ModelCIF file with pLDDT and N, C-alpha, C, O atoms, coordinates in Angstrom:
data_MODEL
#
_entry.id   MODEL 
#
_entity.id                         1 
_entity.type                       polymer 
_entity.pdbx_number_of_molecules   1 
#
_entity_poly.entity_id                      1 
_entity_poly.type                           'polypeptide(L)' 
_entity_poly.nstd_linkage                   no 
_entity_poly.nstd_monomer                   no 
_entity_poly.pdbx_seq_one_letter_code       GDEVITTPITFAASSNSVLYCGATPVFADIDYATYNIDPKSIEEKITD 
_entity_poly.pdbx_seq_one_letter_code_can   GDEVITTPITFAASSNSVLYCGATPVFADIDYATYNIDPKSIEEKITD 
_entity_poly.pdbx_strand_id                 A 
#
loop_
_entity_poly_seq.entity_id 
_entity_poly_seq.num 
_entity_poly_seq.mon_id 
_entity_poly_seq.hetero 
1 1  GLY n 
1 2  ASP n 
1 3  GLU n 
1 4  VAL n 
1 5  ILE n 
1 6  THR n 
1 7  THR n 
1 8  PRO n 
1 9  ILE n 
1 10 THR n 
1 11 PHE n 
1 12 ALA n 
1 13 ALA n 
1 14 SER n 
1 15 SER n 
1 16 ASN n 
1 17 SER n 
1 18 VAL n 
1 19 LEU n 
1 20 TYR n 
1 21 CYS n 
1 22 GLY n 
1 23 ALA n 
1 24 THR n 
1 25 PRO n 
1 26 VAL n 
1 27 PHE n 
1 28 ALA n 
1 29 ASP n 
1 30 ILE n 
1 31 ASP n 
1 32 TYR n 
1 33 ALA n 
1 34 THR n 
1 35 TYR n 
1 36 ASN n 
1 37 ILE n 
1 38 ASP n 
1 39 PRO n 
1 40 LYS n 
1 41 SER n 
1 42 ILE n 
1 43 GLU n 
1 44 GLU n 
1 45 LYS n 
1 46 ILE n 
1 47 THR n 
1 48 ASP n 
#
_struct_asym.id          A 
_struct_asym.entity_id   1 
#
loop_
_ma_qa_metric.id 
_ma_qa_metric.mode 
_ma_qa_metric.name 
_ma_qa_metric.software_group_id 
_ma_qa_metric.type 
1 global pLDDT . pLDDT 
2 local  pLDDT . pLDDT 
#
_ma_qa_metric_global.metric_id      1 
_ma_qa_metric_global.metric_value   98.21 
_ma_qa_metric_global.model_id       1 
_ma_qa_metric_global.ordinal_id     1 
#
loop_
_ma_qa_metric_local.label_asym_id 
_ma_qa_metric_local.label_comp_id 
_ma_qa_metric_local.label_seq_id 
_ma_qa_metric_local.metric_id 
_ma_qa_metric_local.metric_value 
_ma_qa_metric_local.model_id 
_ma_qa_metric_local.ordinal_id 
A GLY 1  2 98.00 1 1  
A ASP 2  2 98.00 1 2  
A GLU 3  2 99.00 1 3  
A VAL 4  2 99.00 1 4  
A ILE 5  2 99.00 1 5  
A THR 6  2 99.00 1 6  
A THR 7  2 98.00 1 7  
A PRO 8  2 98.00 1 8  
A ILE 9  2 98.00 1 9  
A THR 10 2 98.00 1 10 
A PHE 11 2 98.00 1 11 
A ALA 12 2 98.00 1 12 
A ALA 13 2 98.00 1 13 
A SER 14 2 98.00 1 14 
A SER 15 2 98.00 1 15 
A ASN 16 2 98.00 1 16 
A SER 17 2 98.00 1 17 
A VAL 18 2 98.00 1 18 
A LEU 19 2 98.00 1 19 
A TYR 20 2 98.00 1 20 
A CYS 21 2 98.00 1 21 
A GLY 22 2 98.00 1 22 
A ALA 23 2 98.00 1 23 
A THR 24 2 98.00 1 24 
A PRO 25 2 98.00 1 25 
A VAL 26 2 99.00 1 26 
A PHE 27 2 99.00 1 27 
A ALA 28 2 99.00 1 28 
A ASP 29 2 99.00 1 29 
A ILE 30 2 98.00 1 30 
A ASP 31 2 98.00 1 31 
A TYR 32 2 98.00 1 32 
A ALA 33 2 98.00 1 33 
A THR 34 2 98.00 1 34 
A TYR 35 2 98.00 1 35 
A ASN 36 2 99.00 1 36 
A ILE 37 2 99.00 1 37 
A ASP 38 2 98.00 1 38 
A PRO 39 2 98.00 1 39 
A LYS 40 2 98.00 1 40 
A SER 41 2 98.00 1 41 
A ILE 42 2 98.00 1 42 
A GLU 43 2 98.00 1 43 
A GLU 44 2 98.00 1 44 
A LYS 45 2 98.00 1 45 
A ILE 46 2 98.00 1 46 
A THR 47 2 98.00 1 47 
A ASP 48 2 98.00 1 48 
#
loop_
_atom_site.group_PDB 
_atom_site.id 
_atom_site.type_symbol 
_atom_site.label_atom_id 
_atom_site.label_alt_id 
_atom_site.label_comp_id 
_atom_site.label_asym_id 
_atom_site.label_entity_id 
_atom_site.label_seq_id 
_atom_site.pdbx_PDB_ins_code 
_atom_site.Cartn_x 
_atom_site.Cartn_y 
_atom_site.Cartn_z 
_atom_site.occupancy 
_atom_site.B_iso_or_equiv 
_atom_site.pdbx_formal_charge 
_atom_site.auth_seq_id 
_atom_site.auth_comp_id 
_atom_site.auth_asym_id 
_atom_site.auth_atom_id 
_atom_site.pdbx_PDB_model_num 
ATOM 1   N N  . GLY A 1 1  ? 4.114  -5.549  -14.124 1.00 98.00 ? 1  GLY A N  1 
ATOM 2   C CA . GLY A 1 1  ? 3.120  -4.419  -14.756 1.00 98.00 ? 1  GLY A CA 1 
ATOM 3   C C  . GLY A 1 1  ? 1.685  -4.006  -13.684 1.00 98.00 ? 1  GLY A C  1 
ATOM 4   O O  . GLY A 1 1  ? 0.793  -3.172  -13.838 1.00 98.00 ? 1  GLY A O  1 
ATOM 5   N N  . ASP A 1 2  ? 1.886  -4.754  -12.854 1.00 98.00 ? 2  ASP A N  1 
ATOM 6   C CA . ASP A 1 2  ? 0.558  -4.954  -11.556 1.00 98.00 ? 2  ASP A CA 1 
ATOM 7   C C  . ASP A 1 2  ? 0.871  -3.539  -10.868 1.00 98.00 ? 2  ASP A C  1 
ATOM 8   O O  . ASP A 1 2  ? 2.069  -3.262  -10.808 1.00 98.00 ? 2  ASP A O  1 
ATOM 9   N N  . GLU A 1 3  ? 0.144  -2.783  -10.443 1.00 99.00 ? 3  GLU A N  1 
ATOM 10  C CA . GLU A 1 3  ? 0.480  -2.027  -8.335  1.00 99.00 ? 3  GLU A CA 1 
ATOM 11  C C  . GLU A 1 3  ? -0.156 -2.380  -8.000  1.00 99.00 ? 3  GLU A C  1 
ATOM 12  O O  . GLU A 1 3  ? -1.211 -2.750  -8.516  1.00 99.00 ? 3  GLU A O  1 
ATOM 13  N N  . VAL A 1 4  ? 0.387  -2.456  -6.422  1.00 99.00 ? 4  VAL A N  1 
ATOM 14  C CA . VAL A 1 4  ? -0.440 -3.268  -5.317  1.00 99.00 ? 4  VAL A CA 1 
ATOM 15  C C  . VAL A 1 4  ? -0.636 -1.569  -4.619  1.00 99.00 ? 4  VAL A C  1 
ATOM 16  O O  . VAL A 1 4  ? 0.234  -0.703  -4.711  1.00 99.00 ? 4  VAL A O  1 
ATOM 17  N N  . ILE A 1 5  ? -2.143 -1.366  -3.848  1.00 99.00 ? 5  ILE A N  1 
ATOM 18  C CA . ILE A 1 5  ? -1.632 -0.610  -2.717  1.00 99.00 ? 5  ILE A CA 1 
ATOM 19  C C  . ILE A 1 5  ? -1.235 -0.601  -1.812  1.00 99.00 ? 5  ILE A C  1 
ATOM 20  O O  . ILE A 1 5  ? -0.512 -1.419  -2.379  1.00 99.00 ? 5  ILE A O  1 
ATOM 21  N N  . THR A 1 6  ? -0.705 -0.476  -0.306  1.00 99.00 ? 6  THR A N  1 
ATOM 22  C CA . THR A 1 6  ? -0.690 -1.066  0.800   1.00 99.00 ? 6  THR A CA 1 
ATOM 23  C C  . THR A 1 6  ? -0.048 0.361   1.892   1.00 99.00 ? 6  THR A C  1 
ATOM 24  O O  . THR A 1 6  ? 0.311  1.521   1.694   1.00 99.00 ? 6  THR A O  1 
ATOM 25  N N  . THR A 1 7  ? -0.146 -0.328  2.778   1.00 98.00 ? 7  THR A N  1 
ATOM 26  C CA . THR A 1 7  ? 0.746  0.888   3.863   1.00 98.00 ? 7  THR A CA 1 
ATOM 27  C C  . THR A 1 7  ? 1.963  0.478   3.939   1.00 98.00 ? 7  THR A C  1 
ATOM 28  O O  . THR A 1 7  ? 2.344  -0.516  3.322   1.00 98.00 ? 7  THR A O  1 
ATOM 29  N N  . PRO A 1 8  ? 2.665  1.126   4.637   1.00 98.00 ? 8  PRO A N  1 
ATOM 30  C CA . PRO A 1 8  ? 4.258  1.055   5.229   1.00 98.00 ? 8  PRO A CA 1 
ATOM 31  C C  . PRO A 1 8  ? 4.155  0.943   6.512   1.00 98.00 ? 8  PRO A C  1 
ATOM 32  O O  . PRO A 1 8  ? 5.246  0.840   7.073   1.00 98.00 ? 8  PRO A O  1 
ATOM 33  N N  . ILE A 1 9  ? 3.071  0.921   7.313   1.00 98.00 ? 9  ILE A N  1 
ATOM 34  C CA . ILE A 1 9  ? 2.972  0.422   8.934   1.00 98.00 ? 9  ILE A CA 1 
ATOM 35  C C  . ILE A 1 9  ? 2.838  -0.707  9.082   1.00 98.00 ? 9  ILE A C  1 
ATOM 36  O O  . ILE A 1 9  ? 1.784  -0.892  9.691   1.00 98.00 ? 9  ILE A O  1 
ATOM 37  N N  . THR A 1 10 ? 3.452  -1.833  8.806   1.00 98.00 ? 10 THR A N  1 
ATOM 38  C CA . THR A 1 10 ? 3.273  -2.888  8.750   1.00 98.00 ? 10 THR A CA 1 
ATOM 39  C C  . THR A 1 10 ? 4.874  -3.689  8.435   1.00 98.00 ? 10 THR A C  1 
ATOM 40  O O  . THR A 1 10 ? 5.911  -3.512  7.796   1.00 98.00 ? 10 THR A O  1 
ATOM 41  N N  . PHE A 1 11 ? 4.213  -4.685  9.395   1.00 98.00 ? 11 PHE A N  1 
ATOM 42  C CA . PHE A 1 11 ? 5.755  -5.883  8.627   1.00 98.00 ? 11 PHE A CA 1 
ATOM 43  C C  . PHE A 1 11 ? 6.172  -5.783  6.849   1.00 98.00 ? 11 PHE A C  1 
ATOM 44  O O  . PHE A 1 11 ? 5.532  -5.087  6.062   1.00 98.00 ? 11 PHE A O  1 
ATOM 45  N N  . ALA A 1 12 ? 7.097  -6.442  6.553   1.00 98.00 ? 12 ALA A N  1 
ATOM 46  C CA . ALA A 1 12 ? 7.215  -6.149  5.648   1.00 98.00 ? 12 ALA A CA 1 
ATOM 47  C C  . ALA A 1 12 ? 7.007  -7.115  4.751   1.00 98.00 ? 12 ALA A C  1 
ATOM 48  O O  . ALA A 1 12 ? 7.657  -7.099  3.706   1.00 98.00 ? 12 ALA A O  1 
ATOM 49  N N  . ALA A 1 13 ? 5.606  -8.616  5.129   1.00 98.00 ? 13 ALA A N  1 
ATOM 50  C CA . ALA A 1 13 ? 5.284  -9.297  4.639   1.00 98.00 ? 13 ALA A CA 1 
ATOM 51  C C  . ALA A 1 13 ? 4.258  -8.595  3.571   1.00 98.00 ? 13 ALA A C  1 
ATOM 52  O O  . ALA A 1 13 ? 3.957  -8.923  2.423   1.00 98.00 ? 13 ALA A O  1 
ATOM 53  N N  . SER A 1 14 ? 3.992  -7.902  4.093   1.00 98.00 ? 14 SER A N  1 
ATOM 54  C CA . SER A 1 14 ? 2.614  -7.259  2.990   1.00 98.00 ? 14 SER A CA 1 
ATOM 55  C C  . SER A 1 14 ? 2.851  -7.092  1.901   1.00 98.00 ? 14 SER A C  1 
ATOM 56  O O  . SER A 1 14 ? 2.278  -7.519  0.898   1.00 98.00 ? 14 SER A O  1 
ATOM 57  N N  . SER A 1 15 ? 4.223  -6.088  2.075   1.00 98.00 ? 15 SER A N  1 
ATOM 58  C CA . SER A 1 15 ? 4.482  -5.659  0.524   1.00 98.00 ? 15 SER A CA 1 
ATOM 59  C C  . SER A 1 15 ? 5.677  -6.356  -0.318  1.00 98.00 ? 15 SER A C  1 
ATOM 60  O O  . SER A 1 15 ? 5.819  -6.200  -1.531  1.00 98.00 ? 15 SER A O  1 
ATOM 61  N N  . ASN A 1 16 ? 6.489  -7.124  0.476   1.00 98.00 ? 16 ASN A N  1 
ATOM 62  C CA . ASN A 1 16 ? 6.968  -8.401  -0.104  1.00 98.00 ? 16 ASN A CA 1 
ATOM 63  C C  . ASN A 1 16 ? 6.159  -9.907  -0.609  1.00 98.00 ? 16 ASN A C  1 
ATOM 64  O O  . ASN A 1 16 ? 6.853  -10.758 -1.166  1.00 98.00 ? 16 ASN A O  1 
ATOM 65  N N  . SER A 1 17 ? 5.056  -10.103 -0.440  1.00 98.00 ? 17 SER A N  1 
ATOM 66  C CA . SER A 1 17 ? 4.317  -10.371 -0.723  1.00 98.00 ? 17 SER A CA 1 
ATOM 67  C C  . SER A 1 17 ? 3.866  -9.817  -2.572  1.00 98.00 ? 17 SER A C  1 
ATOM 68  O O  . SER A 1 17 ? 3.976  -10.708 -3.415  1.00 98.00 ? 17 SER A O  1 
ATOM 69  N N  . VAL A 1 18 ? 3.606  -9.037  -2.846  1.00 98.00 ? 18 VAL A N  1 
ATOM 70  C CA . VAL A 1 18 ? 3.078  -8.100  -3.925  1.00 98.00 ? 18 VAL A CA 1 
ATOM 71  C C  . VAL A 1 18 ? 4.775  -8.820  -5.219  1.00 98.00 ? 18 VAL A C  1 
ATOM 72  O O  . VAL A 1 18 ? 4.899  -9.364  -6.317  1.00 98.00 ? 18 VAL A O  1 
ATOM 73  N N  . LEU A 1 19 ? 5.786  -8.250  -3.953  1.00 98.00 ? 19 LEU A N  1 
ATOM 74  C CA . LEU A 1 19 ? 7.614  -8.447  -4.786  1.00 98.00 ? 19 LEU A CA 1 
ATOM 75  C C  . LEU A 1 19 ? 7.310  -9.729  -5.683  1.00 98.00 ? 19 LEU A C  1 
ATOM 76  O O  . LEU A 1 19 ? 7.348  -9.837  -6.909  1.00 98.00 ? 19 LEU A O  1 
ATOM 77  N N  . TYR A 1 20 ? 6.909  -10.929 -4.432  1.00 98.00 ? 20 TYR A N  1 
ATOM 78  C CA . TYR A 1 20 ? 7.040  -11.902 -4.804  1.00 98.00 ? 20 TYR A CA 1 
ATOM 79  C C  . TYR A 1 20 ? 6.305  -12.686 -6.097  1.00 98.00 ? 20 TYR A C  1 
ATOM 80  O O  . TYR A 1 20 ? 6.492  -13.837 -6.492  1.00 98.00 ? 20 TYR A O  1 
ATOM 81  N N  . CYS A 1 21 ? 5.302  -11.536 -6.670  1.00 98.00 ? 21 CYS A N  1 
ATOM 82  C CA . CYS A 1 21 ? 4.384  -12.200 -7.704  1.00 98.00 ? 21 CYS A CA 1 
ATOM 83  C C  . CYS A 1 21 ? 5.180  -11.553 -9.387  1.00 98.00 ? 21 CYS A C  1 
ATOM 84  O O  . CYS A 1 21 ? 4.991  -11.968 -10.531 1.00 98.00 ? 21 CYS A O  1 
ATOM 85  N N  . GLY A 1 22 ? 6.148  -10.326 -8.842  1.00 98.00 ? 22 GLY A N  1 
ATOM 86  C CA . GLY A 1 22 ? 6.240  -9.552  -9.430  1.00 98.00 ? 22 GLY A CA 1 
ATOM 87  C C  . GLY A 1 22 ? 5.722  -7.984  -9.790  1.00 98.00 ? 22 GLY A C  1 
ATOM 88  O O  . GLY A 1 22 ? 5.990  -7.207  -10.707 1.00 98.00 ? 22 GLY A O  1 
ATOM 89  N N  . ALA A 1 23 ? 5.187  -7.939  -9.067  1.00 98.00 ? 23 ALA A N  1 
ATOM 90  C CA . ALA A 1 23 ? 3.490  -6.546  -9.110  1.00 98.00 ? 23 ALA A CA 1 
ATOM 91  C C  . ALA A 1 23 ? 4.880  -5.352  -8.362  1.00 98.00 ? 23 ALA A C  1 
ATOM 92  O O  . ALA A 1 23 ? 6.104  -5.487  -8.356  1.00 98.00 ? 23 ALA A O  1 
ATOM 93  N N  . THR A 1 24 ? 4.010  -4.264  -7.822  1.00 98.00 ? 24 THR A N  1 
ATOM 94  C CA . THR A 1 24 ? 5.065  -3.228  -7.290  1.00 98.00 ? 24 THR A CA 1 
ATOM 95  C C  . THR A 1 24 ? 3.811  -2.853  -6.634  1.00 98.00 ? 24 THR A C  1 
ATOM 96  O O  . THR A 1 24 ? 2.668  -2.681  -7.059  1.00 98.00 ? 24 THR A O  1 
ATOM 97  N N  . PRO A 1 25 ? 4.435  -2.764  -5.291  1.00 98.00 ? 25 PRO A N  1 
ATOM 98  C CA . PRO A 1 25 ? 3.761  -2.049  -4.321  1.00 98.00 ? 25 PRO A CA 1 
ATOM 99  C C  . PRO A 1 25 ? 3.778  -0.725  -3.722  1.00 98.00 ? 25 PRO A C  1 
ATOM 100 O O  . PRO A 1 25 ? 4.832  -0.200  -3.364  1.00 98.00 ? 25 PRO A O  1 
ATOM 101 N N  . VAL A 1 26 ? 2.458  -0.080  -3.585  1.00 99.00 ? 26 VAL A N  1 
ATOM 102 C CA . VAL A 1 26 ? 2.632  1.405   -4.013  1.00 99.00 ? 26 VAL A CA 1 
ATOM 103 C C  . VAL A 1 26 ? 2.056  1.893   -2.292  1.00 99.00 ? 26 VAL A C  1 
ATOM 104 O O  . VAL A 1 26 ? 1.199  1.343   -1.601  1.00 99.00 ? 26 VAL A O  1 
ATOM 105 N N  . PHE A 1 27 ? 2.808  2.976   -2.021  1.00 99.00 ? 27 PHE A N  1 
ATOM 106 C CA . PHE A 1 27 ? 2.269  2.951   -0.428  1.00 99.00 ? 27 PHE A CA 1 
ATOM 107 C C  . PHE A 1 27 ? 1.887  4.202   -0.442  1.00 99.00 ? 27 PHE A C  1 
ATOM 108 O O  . PHE A 1 27 ? 2.249  5.273   -0.929  1.00 99.00 ? 27 PHE A O  1 
ATOM 109 N N  . ALA A 1 28 ? 0.868  3.682   0.375   1.00 99.00 ? 28 ALA A N  1 
ATOM 110 C CA . ALA A 1 28 ? -0.638 5.041   0.306   1.00 99.00 ? 28 ALA A CA 1 
ATOM 111 C C  . ALA A 1 28 ? -0.223 5.499   2.243   1.00 99.00 ? 28 ALA A C  1 
ATOM 112 O O  . ALA A 1 28 ? 0.172  4.576   2.956   1.00 99.00 ? 28 ALA A O  1 
ATOM 113 N N  . ASP A 1 29 ? -0.366 6.832   2.816   1.00 99.00 ? 29 ASP A N  1 
ATOM 114 C CA . ASP A 1 29 ? -0.016 7.087   4.028   1.00 99.00 ? 29 ASP A CA 1 
ATOM 115 C C  . ASP A 1 29 ? -1.913 6.283   5.017   1.00 99.00 ? 29 ASP A C  1 
ATOM 116 O O  . ASP A 1 29 ? -3.008 5.854   4.655   1.00 99.00 ? 29 ASP A O  1 
ATOM 117 N N  . ILE A 1 30 ? -1.088 6.564   6.439   1.00 98.00 ? 30 ILE A N  1 
ATOM 118 C CA . ILE A 1 30 ? -1.979 6.230   7.433   1.00 98.00 ? 30 ILE A CA 1 
ATOM 119 C C  . ILE A 1 30 ? -2.279 7.181   7.686   1.00 98.00 ? 30 ILE A C  1 
ATOM 120 O O  . ILE A 1 30 ? -1.545 8.138   7.437   1.00 98.00 ? 30 ILE A O  1 
ATOM 121 N N  . ASP A 1 31 ? -3.735 7.370   8.416   1.00 98.00 ? 31 ASP A N  1 
ATOM 122 C CA . ASP A 1 31 ? -4.532 7.950   9.078   1.00 98.00 ? 31 ASP A CA 1 
ATOM 123 C C  . ASP A 1 31 ? -4.084 7.973   10.543  1.00 98.00 ? 31 ASP A C  1 
ATOM 124 O O  . ASP A 1 31 ? -4.187 7.127   11.431  1.00 98.00 ? 31 ASP A O  1 
ATOM 125 N N  . TYR A 1 32 ? -3.449 9.444   10.516  1.00 98.00 ? 32 TYR A N  1 
ATOM 126 C CA . TYR A 1 32 ? -2.769 9.248   12.068  1.00 98.00 ? 32 TYR A CA 1 
ATOM 127 C C  . TYR A 1 32 ? -3.014 9.267   13.082  1.00 98.00 ? 32 TYR A C  1 
ATOM 128 O O  . TYR A 1 32 ? -2.235 9.481   14.012  1.00 98.00 ? 32 TYR A O  1 
ATOM 129 N N  . ALA A 1 33 ? -4.806 8.920   13.173  1.00 98.00 ? 33 ALA A N  1 
ATOM 130 C CA . ALA A 1 33 ? -5.415 8.692   14.923  1.00 98.00 ? 33 ALA A CA 1 
ATOM 131 C C  . ALA A 1 33 ? -5.734 7.440   15.114  1.00 98.00 ? 33 ALA A C  1 
ATOM 132 O O  . ALA A 1 33 ? -5.689 6.848   16.193  1.00 98.00 ? 33 ALA A O  1 
ATOM 133 N N  . THR A 1 34 ? -6.163 6.869   13.754  1.00 98.00 ? 34 THR A N  1 
ATOM 134 C CA . THR A 1 34 ? -6.058 5.326   13.990  1.00 98.00 ? 34 THR A CA 1 
ATOM 135 C C  . THR A 1 34 ? -4.967 4.345   13.434  1.00 98.00 ? 34 THR A C  1 
ATOM 136 O O  . THR A 1 34 ? -5.165 3.142   13.609  1.00 98.00 ? 34 THR A O  1 
ATOM 137 N N  . TYR A 1 35 ? -4.145 4.640   12.961  1.00 98.00 ? 35 TYR A N  1 
ATOM 138 C CA . TYR A 1 35 ? -2.892 4.160   12.316  1.00 98.00 ? 35 TYR A CA 1 
ATOM 139 C C  . TYR A 1 35 ? -3.102 3.504   11.077  1.00 98.00 ? 35 TYR A C  1 
ATOM 140 O O  . TYR A 1 35 ? -2.143 3.259   10.345  1.00 98.00 ? 35 TYR A O  1 
ATOM 141 N N  . ASN A 1 36 ? -4.340 3.174   10.751  1.00 99.00 ? 36 ASN A N  1 
ATOM 142 C CA . ASN A 1 36 ? -4.678 2.308   9.503   1.00 99.00 ? 36 ASN A CA 1 
ATOM 143 C C  . ASN A 1 36 ? -4.320 3.306   8.184   1.00 99.00 ? 36 ASN A C  1 
ATOM 144 O O  . ASN A 1 36 ? -4.043 4.476   7.923   1.00 99.00 ? 36 ASN A O  1 
ATOM 145 N N  . ILE A 1 37 ? -4.501 2.164   7.627   1.00 99.00 ? 37 ILE A N  1 
ATOM 146 C CA . ILE A 1 37 ? -4.104 2.605   5.718   1.00 99.00 ? 37 ILE A CA 1 
ATOM 147 C C  . ILE A 1 37 ? -5.762 4.011   5.394   1.00 99.00 ? 37 ILE A C  1 
ATOM 148 O O  . ILE A 1 37 ? -6.990 3.931   5.355   1.00 99.00 ? 37 ILE A O  1 
ATOM 149 N N  . ASP A 1 38 ? -4.709 5.101   5.243   1.00 98.00 ? 38 ASP A N  1 
ATOM 150 C CA . ASP A 1 38 ? -6.149 5.852   4.830   1.00 98.00 ? 38 ASP A CA 1 
ATOM 151 C C  . ASP A 1 38 ? -6.812 5.666   3.634   1.00 98.00 ? 38 ASP A C  1 
ATOM 152 O O  . ASP A 1 38 ? -6.275 4.896   2.838   1.00 98.00 ? 38 ASP A O  1 
ATOM 153 N N  . PRO A 1 39 ? -7.949 6.239   3.290   1.00 98.00 ? 39 PRO A N  1 
ATOM 154 C CA . PRO A 1 39 ? -8.862 5.638   2.448   1.00 98.00 ? 39 PRO A CA 1 
ATOM 155 C C  . PRO A 1 39 ? -8.537 7.356   1.724   1.00 98.00 ? 39 PRO A C  1 
ATOM 156 O O  . PRO A 1 39 ? -8.633 7.174   0.510   1.00 98.00 ? 39 PRO A O  1 
ATOM 157 N N  . LYS A 1 40 ? -8.360 8.167   1.858   1.00 98.00 ? 40 LYS A N  1 
ATOM 158 C CA . LYS A 1 40 ? -8.070 9.187   0.913   1.00 98.00 ? 40 LYS A CA 1 
ATOM 159 C C  . LYS A 1 40 ? -6.986 8.980   0.236   1.00 98.00 ? 40 LYS A C  1 
ATOM 160 O O  . LYS A 1 40 ? -6.861 9.215   -0.966  1.00 98.00 ? 40 LYS A O  1 
ATOM 161 N N  . SER A 1 41 ? -5.890 8.396   1.187   1.00 98.00 ? 41 SER A N  1 
ATOM 162 C CA . SER A 1 41 ? -4.846 7.958   0.372   1.00 98.00 ? 41 SER A CA 1 
ATOM 163 C C  . SER A 1 41 ? -4.825 7.335   -0.500  1.00 98.00 ? 41 SER A C  1 
ATOM 164 O O  . SER A 1 41 ? -4.421 7.827   -1.554  1.00 98.00 ? 41 SER A O  1 
ATOM 165 N N  . ILE A 1 42 ? -5.326 5.739   -0.441  1.00 98.00 ? 42 ILE A N  1 
ATOM 166 C CA . ILE A 1 42 ? -5.810 5.049   -1.353  1.00 98.00 ? 42 ILE A CA 1 
ATOM 167 C C  . ILE A 1 42 ? -5.664 6.101   -2.558  1.00 98.00 ? 42 ILE A C  1 
ATOM 168 O O  . ILE A 1 42 ? -4.694 6.525   -3.186  1.00 98.00 ? 42 ILE A O  1 
ATOM 169 N N  . GLU A 1 43 ? -7.340 6.390   -2.621  1.00 98.00 ? 43 GLU A N  1 
ATOM 170 C CA . GLU A 1 43 ? -7.608 7.245   -3.739  1.00 98.00 ? 43 GLU A CA 1 
ATOM 171 C C  . GLU A 1 43 ? -6.587 7.835   -4.538  1.00 98.00 ? 43 GLU A C  1 
ATOM 172 O O  . GLU A 1 43 ? -6.394 7.511   -5.710  1.00 98.00 ? 43 GLU A O  1 
ATOM 173 N N  . GLU A 1 44 ? -6.085 8.493   -4.068  1.00 98.00 ? 44 GLU A N  1 
ATOM 174 C CA . GLU A 1 44 ? -4.668 9.266   -4.612  1.00 98.00 ? 44 GLU A CA 1 
ATOM 175 C C  . GLU A 1 44 ? -3.661 8.365   -5.117  1.00 98.00 ? 44 GLU A C  1 
ATOM 176 O O  . GLU A 1 44 ? -2.775 8.725   -5.891  1.00 98.00 ? 44 GLU A O  1 
ATOM 177 N N  . LYS A 1 45 ? -3.763 7.510   -4.795  1.00 98.00 ? 45 LYS A N  1 
ATOM 178 C CA . LYS A 1 45 ? -2.505 6.710   -5.123  1.00 98.00 ? 45 LYS A CA 1 
ATOM 179 C C  . LYS A 1 45 ? -2.803 5.362   -6.732  1.00 98.00 ? 45 LYS A C  1 
ATOM 180 O O  . LYS A 1 45 ? -1.988 4.719   -7.394  1.00 98.00 ? 45 LYS A O  1 
ATOM 181 N N  . ILE A 1 46 ? -4.629 5.469   -6.808  1.00 98.00 ? 46 ILE A N  1 
ATOM 182 C CA . ILE A 1 46 ? -4.460 4.890   -8.078  1.00 98.00 ? 46 ILE A CA 1 
ATOM 183 C C  . ILE A 1 46 ? -4.251 4.710   -8.988  1.00 98.00 ? 46 ILE A C  1 
ATOM 184 O O  . ILE A 1 46 ? -5.323 5.196   -9.350  1.00 98.00 ? 46 ILE A O  1 
ATOM 185 N N  . THR A 1 47 ? -3.877 4.463   -9.754  1.00 98.00 ? 47 THR A N  1 
ATOM 186 C CA . THR A 1 47 ? -3.823 4.458   -11.410 1.00 98.00 ? 47 THR A CA 1 
ATOM 187 C C  . THR A 1 47 ? -4.124 3.366   -11.733 1.00 98.00 ? 47 THR A C  1 
ATOM 188 O O  . THR A 1 47 ? -4.425 2.385   -11.054 1.00 98.00 ? 47 THR A O  1 
ATOM 189 N N  . ASP A 1 48 ? -3.992 3.629   -13.625 1.00 98.00 ? 48 ASP A N  1 
ATOM 190 C CA . ASP A 1 48 ? -4.970 2.654   -14.296 1.00 98.00 ? 48 ASP A CA 1 
ATOM 191 C C  . ASP A 1 48 ? -3.978 1.172   -14.531 1.00 98.00 ? 48 ASP A C  1 
ATOM 192 O O  . ASP A 1 48 ? -4.473 0.175   -15.057 1.00 98.00 ? 48 ASP A O  1 
#
């Protein structure tokens, strides 16, 4: 029932570990300049 926000540009372990615990990975987009997860996209993906 929990959701965890992460990036798709990573090795699978970053999100697999969320699945190991029964939670759901939610993928936020990256900043195209730095290649790191974009805080604005994180905000857009947040739910209760």
